[in-house]
């Protein structure tokens, strides 16, 4: 039998553990203004790292220039019927600043488009240590009107 204090510890540890989801993120880093984006369309507080000020960097080459605490995205409906429960007179769903929104928003695609390939930076014959994970483009299109773009088309609930 599990001692009571061990059971209390396990329950408390799972209750206080940060929740995680399988949401992808990408960095939109063209030039000195950079920010990260989530595939569900908004960047919640503590979404990528456990730091309140993280993202929206300028000038991004310097450390600790982050100016983003969190953003929120709210959608309200009147006369919502999900087909299973009693219809709601009003229904509001949201992402952030402290809510994941993973049960309400379902992206069809999450792709980083770029006009150029990411250059390989070499210093004295060795690859740079700059970590560009999350900023590698999925699509390179020389005809793109901007340097970079993130495409996130969502699936509507009524499709």
Foldseek 3Di string as FASTA:
>chain_A
DDDPVVVVVVVVCVVPDDDDDPWDKAWPDDAQFIFIATLQGWFAACRPHPDQFDTGAGSNVDPPRGDHRTDKDKDKDAQADLPPDDTDRMDMAMDYNPHHSPVPWDWPDWFKEAQDADDFDDDPRHTDPDDNVRHGGPYHHVPPPDGMDIDTDTDDSVD
